[in-house]
Protein backbone atom coordinates (compact mmCIF):
# COMPACT_ATOMS: atom_id res chain seq x y z
CA UNK A 1 0.61 -26.19 50.67
CA UNK A 2 1.14 -22.54 50.19
CA UNK A 3 -1.66 -20.06 49.43
CA UNK A 4 -2.31 -16.47 50.68
CA UNK A 5 1.56 -15.92 50.19
CA UNK A 6 0.87 -12.11 48.45
CA UNK A 7 2.24 -12.18 44.70
CA UNK A 8 4.21 -14.99 45.01
CA UNK A 9 2.89 -18.15 42.87
CA UNK A 10 0.69 -16.06 40.41
CA UNK A 11 2.85 -16.80 37.17
CA UNK A 12 4.11 -19.77 35.92
CA UNK A 13 7.30 -19.09 36.21
CA UNK A 14 6.59 -18.23 39.54
CA UNK A 15 4.83 -21.12 39.90
CA UNK A 16 6.53 -23.98 37.87
CA UNK A 17 10.20 -22.85 37.83
CA UNK A 18 10.83 -19.88 40.15
CA UNK A 19 9.88 -18.18 43.19
CA UNK A 20 9.09 -15.38 43.17
CA UNK A 21 10.58 -13.61 45.90
CA UNK A 22 13.31 -13.98 48.65
CA UNK A 23 10.84 -14.42 51.57
CA UNK A 24 10.03 -18.34 50.26
CA UNK A 25 12.95 -19.08 48.05
CA UNK A 26 13.24 -22.14 46.12
CA UNK A 27 9.60 -23.13 46.47
CA UNK A 28 8.15 -22.98 42.94
CA UNK A 29 7.09 -26.84 41.73
CA UNK A 30 10.76 -27.53 40.07
CA UNK A 31 12.64 -25.82 42.67
CA UNK A 32 10.81 -28.22 45.38
CA UNK A 33 11.84 -31.46 43.26
CA UNK A 34 15.09 -30.23 42.77
CA UNK A 35 16.63 -28.56 46.07
CA UNK A 36 14.36 -31.32 48.39
CA UNK A 37 14.66 -33.77 45.90
CA UNK A 38 10.53 -34.65 46.34
CA UNK A 39 9.64 -36.90 43.53
CA UNK A 40 7.68 -34.75 40.69
CA UNK A 41 4.86 -37.29 41.71
CA UNK A 42 4.64 -36.64 44.22
CA UNK A 43 3.57 -32.77 44.05
CA UNK A 44 0.59 -31.49 43.27
CA UNK A 45 -0.47 -28.15 42.39
CA UNK A 46 -3.22 -26.11 43.75
CA UNK A 47 -5.04 -22.75 43.12
CA UNK A 48 -7.88 -21.28 44.14
CA UNK A 49 -10.99 -21.41 41.69
CA UNK A 50 -11.85 -17.68 42.34
CA UNK A 51 -10.57 -14.76 43.52
CA UNK A 52 -13.04 -14.67 46.25
CA UNK A 53 -11.51 -18.18 47.72
CA UNK A 54 -8.31 -16.18 48.28
CA UNK A 55 -6.77 -13.04 49.88
CA UNK A 56 -4.10 -13.79 47.48
CA UNK A 57 -2.79 -16.27 45.03
CA UNK A 58 -5.76 -16.80 42.44
CA UNK A 59 -4.99 -16.27 38.98
CA UNK A 60 -7.02 -17.70 35.77
CA UNK A 61 -7.66 -21.62 35.60
CA UNK A 62 -6.68 -21.35 31.91
CA UNK A 63 -3.71 -19.84 32.55
CA UNK A 64 -2.61 -22.61 35.32
CA UNK A 65 -3.85 -25.43 32.77
CA UNK A 66 -0.61 -23.56 30.43
CA UNK A 67 1.82 -23.50 33.38
CA UNK A 68 0.87 -27.21 34.25
CA UNK A 69 1.36 -28.20 30.68
CA UNK A 70 4.64 -26.37 31.15
CA UNK A 71 5.54 -28.39 34.31
CA UNK A 72 4.65 -32.04 32.50
CA UNK A 73 6.78 -30.73 29.88
CA UNK A 74 9.69 -30.83 32.57
CA UNK A 75 9.17 -34.24 34.00
CA UNK A 76 6.50 -33.34 36.77
CA UNK A 77 3.93 -35.84 36.72
CA UNK A 78 2.35 -35.03 39.81
CA UNK A 79 -1.25 -34.16 40.00
CA UNK A 80 -3.46 -30.93 40.20
CA UNK A 81 -6.90 -29.25 42.22
CA UNK A 82 -8.59 -26.16 42.93
CA UNK A 83 -10.19 -24.95 45.56
CA UNK A 84 -12.66 -24.05 47.49
CA UNK A 85 -15.80 -25.95 47.38
CA UNK A 86 -18.55 -25.35 45.94
CA UNK A 87 -17.11 -22.54 43.98
CA UNK A 88 -14.52 -25.10 41.77
CA UNK A 89 -17.04 -26.80 39.32
CA UNK A 90 -16.70 -29.47 37.24
CA UNK A 91 -16.09 -27.27 34.12
CA UNK A 92 -13.62 -25.60 35.86
CA UNK A 93 -11.71 -29.23 36.98
CA UNK A 94 -12.27 -29.63 32.94
CA UNK A 95 -10.45 -26.54 31.92
CA UNK A 96 -7.81 -27.02 34.95
CA UNK A 97 -6.94 -30.74 32.68
CA UNK A 98 -7.41 -29.78 29.46
CA UNK A 99 -3.79 -28.99 28.66
CA UNK A 100 -1.97 -31.53 30.80
CA UNK A 101 -4.61 -34.01 31.03
CA UNK A 102 -7.26 -33.73 28.68
CA UNK A 103 -10.46 -36.40 28.83
């Protein structure tokens, strides 16, 4: 679980393919899979629903949805979540799923 990590994990590349800083090397979704051999179906992406839910690490849920589509196209088949209650509304969850697991 990674959050409040400064400017890490706030772009698709840093979240999905290559972690942004030297402080947390090999901790993007794909890198965890490649370096730690954690199966893709065991890796879940969680992001704060709103900026007020975190000190850092937030980016728009619509952009996260596109990032997840990229990850799925690379073989990832885990899950995703938004936190924190009650800010993660059903509409936001639908947006999060829209490009990866449309309903």
